[in-house]
Amino acid sequence: MDLQVYYKKIRETAAGYADKDVVIVSRATGDGGKAGVYTEVPKEIAAVMVVEGTAEEATEEAAAAFRQARAAEKERAERELAAAKTRLSVVTTAELQRLLGSRNRE
């Protein structure tokens, strides 16, 4: 393989991507690579994977759906994290009455 041609193809492929990050779809490979896995990678890495034949660029519709699903997952994770940070205290009725009583006196 001519390395100059190889790297030229990579540069040309990377230059063809408009965005900084590209959604790609994996292809099945002989070493166990699984087909149909979507991921978002920098355009330079996407170009290498496309030139090597281990992935292809996702369609615009598929890329939009992937990004929307990732945004929903991130939002859900942030809500779960915020809920985990919420502190709860169990207060008996007697303690609550005592606290309310001391507050009413002030």
PDB file of N, CA and C in Angstrom:
ATOM      1  N   MET A   1       0.843  -1.187   0.000  1.00  0.00           N
ATOM      2  CA  MET A   1       0.000   0.000   0.000  1.00  0.00           C
ATOM      3  C   MET A   1       0.886   1.248   0.000  1.00  0.00           C
ATOM      4  N   ASP A   2       0.539   2.166  -0.830  1.00  0.00           N
ATOM      5  CA  ASP A   2       1.253   3.427  -0.927  1.00  0.00           C
ATOM      6  C   ASP A   2       0.737   4.356   0.167  1.00  0.00           C
ATOM      7  N   LEU A   3       1.584   4.701   1.114  1.00  0.00           N
ATOM      8  CA  LEU A   3       1.168   5.521   2.249  1.00  0.00           C
ATOM      9  C   LEU A   3       0.768   6.933   1.833  1.00  0.00           C
ATOM     10  N   GLN A   4       1.392   7.459   0.812  1.00  0.00           N
ATOM     11  CA  GLN A   4       1.011   8.796   0.360  1.00  0.00           C
ATOM     12  C   GLN A   4      -0.427   8.815  -0.143  1.00  0.00           C
ATOM     13  N   VAL A   5      -0.808   7.802  -0.888  1.00  0.00           N
ATOM     14  CA  VAL A   5      -2.179   7.701  -1.397  1.00  0.00           C
ATOM     15  C   VAL A   5      -3.146   7.482  -0.230  1.00  0.00           C
ATOM     16  N   TYR A   6      -2.767   6.632   0.712  1.00  0.00           N
ATOM     17  CA  TYR A   6      -3.598   6.334   1.881  1.00  0.00           C
ATOM     18  C   TYR A   6      -3.907   7.611   2.672  1.00  0.00           C
ATOM     19  N   TYR A   7      -2.877   8.362   3.006  1.00  0.00           N
ATOM     20  CA  TYR A   7      -3.082   9.578   3.802  1.00  0.00           C
ATOM     21  C   TYR A   7      -3.766  10.681   2.995  1.00  0.00           C
ATOM     22  N   LYS A   8      -3.568  10.701   1.695  1.00  0.00           N
ATOM     23  CA  LYS A   8      -4.261  11.667   0.854  1.00  0.00           C
ATOM     24  C   LYS A   8      -5.763  11.382   0.864  1.00  0.00           C
ATOM     25  N   LYS A   9      -6.132  10.097   0.786  1.00  0.00           N
ATOM     26  CA  LYS A   9      -7.550   9.726   0.850  1.00  0.00           C
ATOM     27  C   LYS A   9      -8.156  10.142   2.190  1.00  0.00           C
ATOM     28  N   ILE A  10      -7.400   9.950   3.258  1.00  0.00           N
ATOM     29  CA  ILE A  10      -7.891  10.328   4.590  1.00  0.00           C
ATOM     30  C   ILE A  10      -8.105  11.841   4.659  1.00  0.00           C
ATOM     31  N   ARG A  11      -7.144  12.615   4.189  1.00  0.00           N
ATOM     32  CA  ARG A  11      -7.278  14.076   4.209  1.00  0.00           C
ATOM     33  C   ARG A  11      -8.456  14.540   3.359  1.00  0.00           C
ATOM     34  N   GLU A  12      -8.624  13.960   2.190  1.00  0.00           N
ATOM     35  CA  GLU A  12      -9.722  14.337   1.307  1.00  0.00           C
ATOM     36  C   GLU A  12     -11.077  13.981   1.927  1.00  0.00           C
ATOM     37  N   THR A  13     -11.139  12.815   2.543  1.00  0.00           N
ATOM     38  CA  THR A  13     -12.393  12.390   3.181  1.00  0.00           C
ATOM     39  C   THR A  13     -12.725  13.302   4.347  1.00  0.00           C
ATOM     40  N   ALA A  14     -11.731  13.619   5.178  1.00  0.00           N
ATOM     41  CA  ALA A  14     -11.953  14.506   6.324  1.00  0.00           C
ATOM     42  C   ALA A  14     -12.361  15.897   5.863  1.00  0.00           C
ATOM     43  N   ALA A  15     -11.789  16.368   4.784  1.00  0.00           N
ATOM     44  CA  ALA A  15     -12.129  17.698   4.271  1.00  0.00           C
ATOM     45  C   ALA A  15     -13.567  17.742   3.753  1.00  0.00           C
ATOM     46  N   GLY A  16     -14.100  16.604   3.375  1.00  0.00           N
ATOM     47  CA  GLY A  16     -15.462  16.543   2.863  1.00  0.00           C
ATOM     48  C   GLY A  16     -16.539  16.647   3.930  1.00  0.00           C
ATOM     49  N   TYR A  17     -16.158  16.523   5.198  1.00  0.00           N
ATOM     50  CA  TYR A  17     -17.134  16.616   6.282  1.00  0.00           C
ATOM     51  C   TYR A  17     -17.284  18.069   6.702  1.00  0.00           C
ATOM     52  N   ALA A  18     -18.518  18.518   6.789  1.00  0.00           N
ATOM     53  CA  ALA A  18     -18.785  19.916   7.135  1.00  0.00           C
ATOM     54  C   ALA A  18     -18.640  20.164   8.632  1.00  0.00           C
ATOM     55  N   ASP A  19     -19.053  19.205   9.450  1.00  0.00           N
ATOM     56  CA  ASP A  19     -19.019  19.379  10.905  1.00  0.00           C
ATOM     57  C   ASP A  19     -17.714  18.888  11.497  1.00  0.00           C
ATOM     58  N   LYS A  20     -17.443  19.352  12.703  1.00  0.00           N
ATOM     59  CA  LYS A  20     -16.249  18.929  13.428  1.00  0.00           C
ATOM     60  C   LYS A  20     -16.361  17.463  13.843  1.00  0.00           C
ATOM     61  N   ASP A  21     -17.583  17.031  14.213  1.00  0.00           N
ATOM     62  CA  ASP A  21     -17.839  15.652  14.605  1.00  0.00           C
ATOM     63  C   ASP A  21     -18.798  15.018  13.612  1.00  0.00           C
ATOM     64  N   VAL A  22     -18.603  13.721  13.369  1.00  0.00           N
ATOM     65  CA  VAL A  22     -19.378  13.000  12.365  1.00  0.00           C
ATOM     66  C   VAL A  22     -19.983  11.754  13.011  1.00  0.00           C
ATOM     67  N   VAL A  23     -21.243  11.476  12.687  1.00  0.00           N
ATOM     68  CA  VAL A  23     -21.877  10.239  13.144  1.00  0.00           C
ATOM     69  C   VAL A  23     -21.589   9.174  12.094  1.00  0.00           C
ATOM     70  N   ILE A  24     -21.020   8.052  12.564  1.00  0.00           N
ATOM     71  CA  ILE A  24     -20.695   6.959  11.659  1.00  0.00           C
ATOM     72  C   ILE A  24     -21.419   5.690  12.102  1.00  0.00           C
ATOM     73  N   VAL A  25     -21.517   4.741  11.170  1.00  0.00           N
ATOM     74  CA  VAL A  25     -22.124   3.437  11.435  1.00  0.00           C
ATOM     75  C   VAL A  25     -21.053   2.394  11.162  1.00  0.00           C
ATOM     76  N   SER A  26     -20.850   1.509  12.119  1.00  0.00           N
ATOM     77  CA  SER A  26     -19.814   0.499  11.950  1.00  0.00           C
ATOM     78  C   SER A  26     -20.244  -0.562  10.945  1.00  0.00           C
ATOM     79  N   ARG A  27     -19.260  -1.217  10.379  1.00  0.00           N
ATOM     80  CA  ARG A  27     -19.475  -2.349   9.471  1.00  0.00           C
ATOM     81  C   ARG A  27     -18.908  -3.591  10.132  1.00  0.00           C
ATOM     82  N   ALA A  28     -19.395  -4.740   9.729  1.00  0.00           N
ATOM     83  CA  ALA A  28     -18.845  -5.991  10.245  1.00  0.00           C
ATOM     84  C   ALA A  28     -17.423  -6.155   9.722  1.00  0.00           C
ATOM     85  N   THR A  29     -16.540  -6.600  10.603  1.00  0.00           N
ATOM     86  CA  THR A  29     -15.154  -6.815  10.204  1.00  0.00           C
ATOM     87  C   THR A  29     -14.751  -8.243  10.534  1.00  0.00           C
ATOM     88  N   GLY A  30     -13.680  -8.672   9.927  1.00  0.00           N
ATOM     89  CA  GLY A  30     -13.192 -10.031  10.138  1.00  0.00           C
ATOM     90  C   GLY A  30     -12.667 -10.281  11.532  1.00  0.00           C
ATOM     91  N   ASP A  31     -12.313  -9.219  12.237  1.00  0.00           N
ATOM     92  CA  ASP A  31     -11.767  -9.395  13.585  1.00  0.00           C
ATOM     93  C   ASP A  31     -12.823  -9.224  14.678  1.00  0.00           C
ATOM     94  N   GLY A  32     -14.097  -9.357  14.302  1.00  0.00           N
ATOM     95  CA  GLY A  32     -15.163  -9.323  15.309  1.00  0.00           C
ATOM     96  C   GLY A  32     -15.910  -8.019  15.411  1.00  0.00           C
ATOM     97  N   GLY A  33     -15.636  -7.079  14.528  1.00  0.00           N
ATOM     98  CA  GLY A  33     -16.357  -5.810  14.552  1.00  0.00           C
ATOM     99  C   GLY A  33     -17.836  -6.017  14.266  1.00  0.00           C
ATOM    100  N   LYS A  34     -18.673  -5.350  15.032  1.00  0.00           N
ATOM    101  CA  LYS A  34     -20.116  -5.513  14.919  1.00  0.00           C
ATOM    102  C   LYS A  34     -20.699  -4.449  13.997  1.00  0.00           C
ATOM    103  N   ALA A  35     -21.566  -4.852  13.107  1.00  0.00           N
ATOM    104  CA  ALA A  35     -22.169  -3.925  12.159  1.00  0.00           C
ATOM    105  C   ALA A  35     -23.351  -3.201  12.783  1.00  0.00           C
ATOM    106  N   GLY A  36     -23.564  -1.955  12.348  1.00  0.00           N
ATOM    107  CA  GLY A  36     -24.756  -1.212  12.741  1.00  0.00           C
ATOM    108  C   GLY A  36     -24.671  -0.441  14.033  1.00  0.00           C
ATOM    109  N   VAL A  37     -23.482  -0.258  14.574  1.00  0.00           N
ATOM    110  CA  VAL A  37     -23.315   0.509  15.813  1.00  0.00           C
ATOM    111  C   VAL A  37     -23.029   1.959  15.449  1.00  0.00           C
ATOM    112  N   TYR A  38     -23.870   2.864  15.940  1.00  0.00           N
ATOM    113  CA  TYR A  38     -23.709   4.289  15.665  1.00  0.00           C
ATOM    114  C   TYR A  38     -22.833   4.912  16.736  1.00  0.00           C
ATOM    115  N   THR A  39     -21.994   5.841  16.319  1.00  0.00           N
ATOM    116  CA  THR A  39     -21.180   6.595  17.259  1.00  0.00           C
ATOM    117  C   THR A  39     -20.792   7.918  16.619  1.00  0.00           C
ATOM    118  N   GLU A  40     -20.463   8.887  17.465  1.00  0.00           N
ATOM    119  CA  GLU A  40     -20.045  10.203  16.980  1.00  0.00           C
ATOM    120  C   GLU A  40     -18.572  10.377  17.301  1.00  0.00           C
ATOM    121  N   VAL A  41     -17.788  10.668  16.274  1.00  0.00           N
ATOM    122  CA  VAL A  41     -16.343  10.787  16.417  1.00  0.00           C
ATOM    123  C   VAL A  41     -15.859  12.044  15.701  1.00  0.00           C
ATOM    124  N   PRO A  42     -14.650  12.517  16.042  1.00  0.00           N
ATOM    125  CA  PRO A  42     -14.082  13.648  15.296  1.00  0.00           C
ATOM    126  C   PRO A  42     -13.921  13.262  13.822  1.00  0.00           C
ATOM    127  N   LYS A  43     -13.993  14.260  12.955  1.00  0.00           N
ATOM    128  CA  LYS A  43     -13.980  13.976  11.523  1.00  0.00           C
ATOM    129  C   LYS A  43     -12.702  13.281  11.064  1.00  0.00           C
ATOM    130  N   GLU A  44     -11.578  13.518  11.731  1.00  0.00           N
ATOM    131  CA  GLU A  44     -10.323  12.864  11.351  1.00  0.00           C
ATOM    132  C   GLU A  44     -10.404  11.358  11.592  1.00  0.00           C
ATOM    133  N   ILE A  45     -10.988  10.962  12.719  1.00  0.00           N
ATOM    134  CA  ILE A  45     -11.132   9.538  13.031  1.00  0.00           C
ATOM    135  C   ILE A  45     -12.164   8.905  12.102  1.00  0.00           C
ATOM    136  N   ALA A  46     -13.241   9.634  11.828  1.00  0.00           N
ATOM    137  CA  ALA A  46     -14.251   9.126  10.900  1.00  0.00           C
ATOM    138  C   ALA A  46     -13.628   8.873   9.533  1.00  0.00           C
ATOM    139  N   ALA A  47     -12.787   9.784   9.079  1.00  0.00           N
ATOM    140  CA  ALA A  47     -12.145   9.628   7.776  1.00  0.00           C
ATOM    141  C   ALA A  47     -11.274   8.378   7.729  1.00  0.00           C
ATOM    142  N   VAL A  48     -10.519   8.129   8.787  1.00  0.00           N
ATOM    143  CA  VAL A  48      -9.670   6.930   8.833  1.00  0.00           C
ATOM    144  C   VAL A  48     -10.538   5.671   8.770  1.00  0.00           C
ATOM    145  N   MET A  49     -11.626   5.647   9.550  1.00  0.00           N
ATOM    146  CA  MET A  49     -12.477   4.461   9.582  1.00  0.00           C
ATOM    147  C   MET A  49     -13.190   4.241   8.246  1.00  0.00           C
ATOM    148  N   VAL A  50     -13.586   5.308   7.587  1.00  0.00           N
ATOM    149  CA  VAL A  50     -14.253   5.186   6.285  1.00  0.00           C
ATOM    150  C   VAL A  50     -13.262   4.695   5.240  1.00  0.00           C
ATOM    151  N   VAL A  51     -12.058   5.259   5.225  1.00  0.00           N
ATOM    152  CA  VAL A  51     -11.047   4.846   4.247  1.00  0.00           C
ATOM    153  C   VAL A  51     -10.648   3.390   4.470  1.00  0.00           C
ATOM    154  N   GLU A  52     -10.551   2.966   5.730  1.00  0.00           N
ATOM    155  CA  GLU A  52     -10.184   1.586   6.025  1.00  0.00           C
ATOM    156  C   GLU A  52     -11.349   0.620   5.820  1.00  0.00           C
ATOM    157  N   GLY A  53     -12.555   1.134   5.674  1.00  0.00           N
ATOM    158  CA  GLY A  53     -13.702   0.280   5.416  1.00  0.00           C
ATOM    159  C   GLY A  53     -14.357  -0.307   6.653  1.00  0.00           C
ATOM    160  N   THR A  54     -14.013   0.204   7.836  1.00  0.00           N
ATOM    161  CA  THR A  54     -14.615  -0.323   9.059  1.00  0.00           C
ATOM    162  C   THR A  54     -15.889   0.416   9.444  1.00  0.00           C
ATOM    163  N   ALA A  55     -16.177   1.529   8.765  1.00  0.00           N
ATOM    164  CA  ALA A  55     -17.385   2.300   9.061  1.00  0.00           C
ATOM    165  C   ALA A  55     -17.787   3.093   7.826  1.00  0.00           C
ATOM    166  N   GLU A  56     -19.007   3.613   7.880  1.00  0.00           N
ATOM    167  CA  GLU A  56     -19.481   4.517   6.835  1.00  0.00           C
ATOM    168  C   GLU A  56     -20.227   5.657   7.508  1.00  0.00           C
ATOM    169  N   GLU A  57     -20.326   6.763   6.805  1.00  0.00           N
ATOM    170  CA  GLU A  57     -21.023   7.925   7.362  1.00  0.00           C
ATOM    171  C   GLU A  57     -22.514   7.616   7.446  1.00  0.00           C
ATOM    172  N   ALA A  58     -23.128   7.996   8.560  1.00  0.00           N
ATOM    173  CA  ALA A  58     -24.564   7.796   8.742  1.00  0.00           C
ATOM    174  C   ALA A  58     -25.334   8.795   7.892  1.00  0.00           C
ATOM    175  N   THR A  59     -26.550   8.436   7.523  1.00  0.00           N
ATOM    176  CA  THR A  59     -27.400   9.360   6.789  1.00  0.00           C
ATOM    177  C   THR A  59     -27.760  10.523   7.709  1.00  0.00           C
ATOM    178  N   GLU A  60     -28.191  11.625   7.123  1.00  0.00           N
ATOM    179  CA  GLU A  60     -28.543  12.799   7.932  1.00  0.00           C
ATOM    180  C   GLU A  60     -29.677  12.485   8.905  1.00  0.00           C
ATOM    181  N   GLU A  61     -30.662  11.713   8.438  1.00  0.00           N
ATOM    182  CA  GLU A  61     -31.795  11.359   9.303  1.00  0.00           C
ATOM    183  C   GLU A  61     -31.339  10.488  10.469  1.00  0.00           C
ATOM    184  N   ALA A  62     -30.499   9.495  10.169  1.00  0.00           N
ATOM    185  CA  ALA A  62     -30.006   8.607  11.211  1.00  0.00           C
ATOM    186  C   ALA A  62     -29.119   9.370  12.198  1.00  0.00           C
ATOM    187  N   ALA A  63     -28.301  10.285  11.686  1.00  0.00           N
ATOM    188  CA  ALA A  63     -27.429  11.082  12.550  1.00  0.00           C
ATOM    189  C   ALA A  63     -28.254  11.980  13.471  1.00  0.00           C
ATOM    190  N   ALA A  64     -29.319  12.585  12.929  1.00  0.00           N
ATOM    191  CA  ALA A  64     -30.183  13.444  13.747  1.00  0.00           C
ATOM    192  C   ALA A  64     -30.890  12.637  14.821  1.00  0.00           C
ATOM    193  N   ALA A  65     -31.368  11.447  14.470  1.00  0.00           N
ATOM    194  CA  ALA A  65     -32.024  10.586  15.455  1.00  0.00           C
ATOM    195  C   ALA A  65     -31.044  10.143  16.531  1.00  0.00           C
ATOM    196  N   PHE A  66     -29.807   9.819  16.132  1.00  0.00           N
ATOM    197  CA  PHE A  66     -28.779   9.409  17.090  1.00  0.00           C
ATOM    198  C   PHE A  66     -28.459  10.540  18.059  1.00  0.00           C
ATOM    199  N   ARG A  67     -28.276  11.737  17.528  1.00  0.00           N
ATOM    200  CA  ARG A  67     -27.951  12.883  18.391  1.00  0.00           C
ATOM    201  C   ARG A  67     -29.114  13.222  19.324  1.00  0.00           C
ATOM    202  N   GLN A  68     -30.337  13.093  18.827  1.00  0.00           N
ATOM    203  CA  GLN A  68     -31.511  13.361  19.667  1.00  0.00           C
ATOM    204  C   GLN A  68     -31.608  12.328  20.795  1.00  0.00           C
ATOM    205  N   ALA A  69     -31.347  11.072  20.477  1.00  0.00           N
ATOM    206  CA  ALA A  69     -31.374  10.029  21.511  1.00  0.00           C
ATOM    207  C   ALA A  69     -30.288  10.265  22.547  1.00  0.00           C
ATOM    208  N   ARG A  70     -29.107  10.667  22.101  1.00  0.00           N
ATOM    209  CA  ARG A  70     -28.008  10.948  23.039  1.00  0.00           C
ATOM    210  C   ARG A  70     -28.344  12.127  23.943  1.00  0.00           C
ATOM    211  N   ALA A  71     -28.982  13.148  23.390  1.00  0.00           N
ATOM    212  CA  ALA A  71     -29.373  14.316  24.186  1.00  0.00           C
ATOM    213  C   ALA A  71     -30.402  13.911  25.238  1.00  0.00           C
ATOM    214  N   ALA A  72     -31.333  13.043  24.863  1.00  0.00           N
ATOM    215  CA  ALA A  72     -32.342  12.576  25.819  1.00  0.00           C
ATOM    216  C   ALA A  72     -31.697  11.742  26.919  1.00  0.00           C
ATOM    217  N   GLU A  73     -30.730  10.899  26.562  1.00  0.00           N
ATOM    218  CA  GLU A  73     -30.012  10.101  27.554  1.00  0.00           C
ATOM    219  C   GLU A  73     -29.230  11.000  28.519  1.00  0.00           C
ATOM    220  N   LYS A  74     -28.598  12.032  27.975  1.00  0.00           N
ATOM    221  CA  LYS A  74     -27.827  12.947  28.811  1.00  0.00           C
ATOM    222  C   LYS A  74     -28.738  13.689  29.780  1.00  0.00           C
ATOM    223  N   GLU A  75     -29.891  14.140  29.296  1.00  0.00           N
ATOM    224  CA  GLU A  75     -30.847  14.849  30.150  1.00  0.00           C
ATOM    225  C   GLU A  75     -31.351  13.944  31.274  1.00  0.00           C
ATOM    226  N   ARG A  76     -31.647  12.690  30.944  1.00  0.00           N
ATOM    227  CA  ARG A  76     -32.105  11.735  31.946  1.00  0.00           C
ATOM    228  C   ARG A  76     -31.022  11.495  32.998  1.00  0.00           C
ATOM    229  N   ALA A  77     -29.783  11.342  32.549  1.00  0.00           N
ATOM    230  CA  ALA A  77     -28.672  11.117  33.474  1.00  0.00           C
ATOM    231  C   ALA A  77     -28.463  12.326  34.388  1.00  0.00           C
ATOM    232  N   GLU A  78     -28.602  13.528  33.842  1.00  0.00           N
ATOM    233  CA  GLU A  78     -28.451  14.734  34.659  1.00  0.00           C
ATOM    234  C   GLU A  78     -29.559  14.837  35.700  1.00  0.00           C
ATOM    235  N   ARG A  79     -30.798  14.446  35.320  1.00  0.00           N
ATOM    236  CA  ARG A  79     -31.901  14.450  36.292  1.00  0.00           C
ATOM    237  C   ARG A  79     -31.652  13.436  37.404  1.00  0.00           C
ATOM    238  N   GLU A  80     -31.163  12.248  37.039  1.00  0.00           N
ATOM    239  CA  GLU A  80     -30.859  11.233  38.038  1.00  0.00           C
ATOM    240  C   GLU A  80     -29.751  11.702  38.973  1.00  0.00           C
ATOM    241  N   LEU A  81     -28.749  12.366  38.433  1.00  0.00           N
ATOM    242  CA  LEU A  81     -27.652  12.879  39.251  1.00  0.00           C
ATOM    243  C   LEU A  81     -28.150  13.952  40.209  1.00  0.00           C
ATOM    244  N   ALA A  82     -29.003  14.835  39.716  1.00  0.00           N
ATOM    245  CA  ALA A  82     -29.560  15.884  40.571  1.00  0.00           C
ATOM    246  C   ALA A  82     -30.430  15.269  41.664  1.00  0.00           C
ATOM    247  N   ALA A  83     -31.183  14.244  41.329  1.00  0.00           N
ATOM    248  CA  ALA A  83     -32.026  13.580  42.323  1.00  0.00           C
ATOM    249  C   ALA A  83     -31.175  12.881  43.370  1.00  0.00           C
ATOM    250  N   ALA A  84     -30.041  12.337  42.968  1.00  0.00           N
ATOM    251  CA  ALA A  84     -29.158  11.657  43.915  1.00  0.00           C
ATOM    252  C   ALA A  84     -28.514  12.643  44.882  1.00  0.00           C
ATOM    253  N   LYS A  85     -28.357  13.887  44.455  1.00  0.00           N
ATOM    254  CA  LYS A  85     -27.745  14.894  45.312  1.00  0.00           C
ATOM    255  C   LYS A  85     -28.731  15.504  46.298  1.00  0.00           C
ATOM    256  N   THR A  86     -30.033  15.278  46.082  1.00  0.00           N
ATOM    257  CA  THR A  86     -31.046  15.844  46.963  1.00  0.00           C
ATOM    258  C   THR A  86     -30.977  15.148  48.312  1.00  0.00           C
ATOM    259  N   ARG A  87     -30.892  15.937  49.361  1.00  0.00           N
ATOM    260  CA  ARG A  87     -30.802  15.375  50.710  1.00  0.00           C
ATOM    261  C   ARG A  87     -32.190  15.267  51.313  1.00  0.00           C
ATOM    262  N   LEU A  88     -32.429  14.155  51.931  1.00  0.00           N
ATOM    263  CA  LEU A  88     -33.694  13.929  52.610  1.00  0.00           C
ATOM    264  C   LEU A  88     -33.410  13.634  54.077  1.00  0.00           C
ATOM    265  N   SER A  89     -34.241  14.156  54.922  1.00  0.00           N
ATOM    266  CA  SER A  89     -34.128  13.867  56.349  1.00  0.00           C
ATOM    267  C   SER A  89     -35.474  13.363  56.836  1.00  0.00           C
ATOM    268  N   VAL A  90     -35.432  12.298  57.588  1.00  0.00           N
ATOM    269  CA  VAL A  90     -36.651  11.757  58.164  1.00  0.00           C
ATOM    270  C   VAL A  90     -36.817  12.395  59.539  1.00  0.00           C
ATOM    271  N   VAL A  91     -37.966  13.018  59.727  1.00  0.00           N
ATOM    272  CA  VAL A  91     -38.248  13.713  60.973  1.00  0.00           C
ATOM    273  C   VAL A  91     -39.516  13.106  61.565  1.00  0.00           C
ATOM    274  N   THR A  92     -39.444  12.755  62.819  1.00  0.00           N
ATOM    275  CA  THR A  92     -40.637  12.213  63.467  1.00  0.00           C
ATOM    276  C   THR A  92     -41.642  13.340  63.687  1.00  0.00           C
ATOM    277  N   THR A  93     -42.870  12.958  63.960  1.00  0.00           N
ATOM    278  CA  THR A  93     -43.926  13.946  64.179  1.00  0.00           C
ATOM    279  C   THR A  93     -43.593  14.825  65.381  1.00  0.00           C
ATOM    280  N   ALA A  94     -43.061  14.212  66.431  1.00  0.00           N
ATOM    281  CA  ALA A  94     -42.708  14.977  67.629  1.00  0.00           C
ATOM    282  C   ALA A  94     -41.614  16.005  67.322  1.00  0.00           C
ATOM    283  N   GLU A  95     -40.614  15.597  66.558  1.00  0.00           N
ATOM    284  CA  GLU A  95     -39.548  16.531  66.191  1.00  0.00           C
ATOM    285  C   GLU A  95     -40.082  17.665  65.312  1.00  0.00           C
ATOM    286  N   LEU A  96     -40.983  17.332  64.411  1.00  0.00           N
ATOM    287  CA  LEU A  96     -41.572  18.348  63.543  1.00  0.00           C
ATOM    288  C   LEU A  96     -42.363  19.355  64.368  1.00  0.00           C
ATOM    289  N   GLN A  97     -43.170  18.872  65.324  1.00  0.00           N
ATOM    290  CA  GLN A  97     -43.942  19.764  66.183  1.00  0.00           C
ATOM    291  C   GLN A  97     -43.014  20.653  67.006  1.00  0.00           C
ATOM    292  N   ARG A  98     -41.915  20.082  67.492  1.00  0.00           N
ATOM    293  CA  ARG A  98     -40.947  20.859  68.265  1.00  0.00           C
ATOM    294  C   ARG A  98     -40.310  21.937  67.398  1.00  0.00           C
ATOM    295  N   LEU A  99     -39.934  21.572  66.153  1.00  0.00           N
ATOM    296  CA  LEU A  99     -39.334  22.554  65.251  1.00  0.00           C
ATOM    297  C   LEU A  99     -40.319  23.651  64.875  1.00  0.00           C
ATOM    298  N   LEU A 100     -41.553  23.263  64.589  1.00  0.00           N
ATOM    299  CA  LEU A 100     -42.560  24.249  64.240  1.00  0.00           C
ATOM    300  C   LEU A 100     -42.897  25.132  65.428  1.00  0.00           C
ATOM    301  N   GLY A 101     -42.912  24.529  66.599  1.00  0.00           N
ATOM    302  CA  GLY A 101     -43.206  25.306  67.805  1.00  0.00           C
ATOM    303  C   GLY A 101     -42.123  26.333  68.100  1.00  0.00           C
ATOM    304  N   SER A 102     -40.880  25.963  67.912  1.00  0.00           N
ATOM    305  CA  SER A 102     -39.781  26.901  68.168  1.00  0.00           C
ATOM    306  C   SER A 102     -39.759  28.010  67.109  1.00  0.00           C
ATOM    307  N   ARG A 103     -40.184  27.710  65.919  1.00  0.00           N
ATOM    308  CA  ARG A 103     -40.226  28.705  64.864  1.00  0.00           C
ATOM    309  C   ARG A 103     -41.374  29.708  65.082  1.00  0.00           C
ATOM    310  N   ASN A 104     -42.476  29.216  65.609  1.00  0.00           N
ATOM    311  CA  ASN A 104     -43.626  30.086  65.853  1.00  0.00           C
ATOM    312  C   ASN A 104     -43.362  31.059  67.007  1.00  0.00           C
ATOM    313  N   ARG A 105     -42.498  30.705  67.927  1.00  0.00           N
ATOM    314  CA  ARG A 105     -42.175  31.572  69.070  1.00  0.00           C
ATOM    315  C   ARG A 105     -41.302  32.742  68.650  1.00  0.00           C
ATOM    316  N   GLU A 106     -40.584  32.620  67.589  1.00  0.00           N
ATOM    317  CA  GLU A 106     -39.655  33.680  67.165  1.00  0.00           C
ATOM    318  C   GLU A 106     -40.315  34.812  66.487  1.00  0.00           C
TER     319      GLU A 106
END
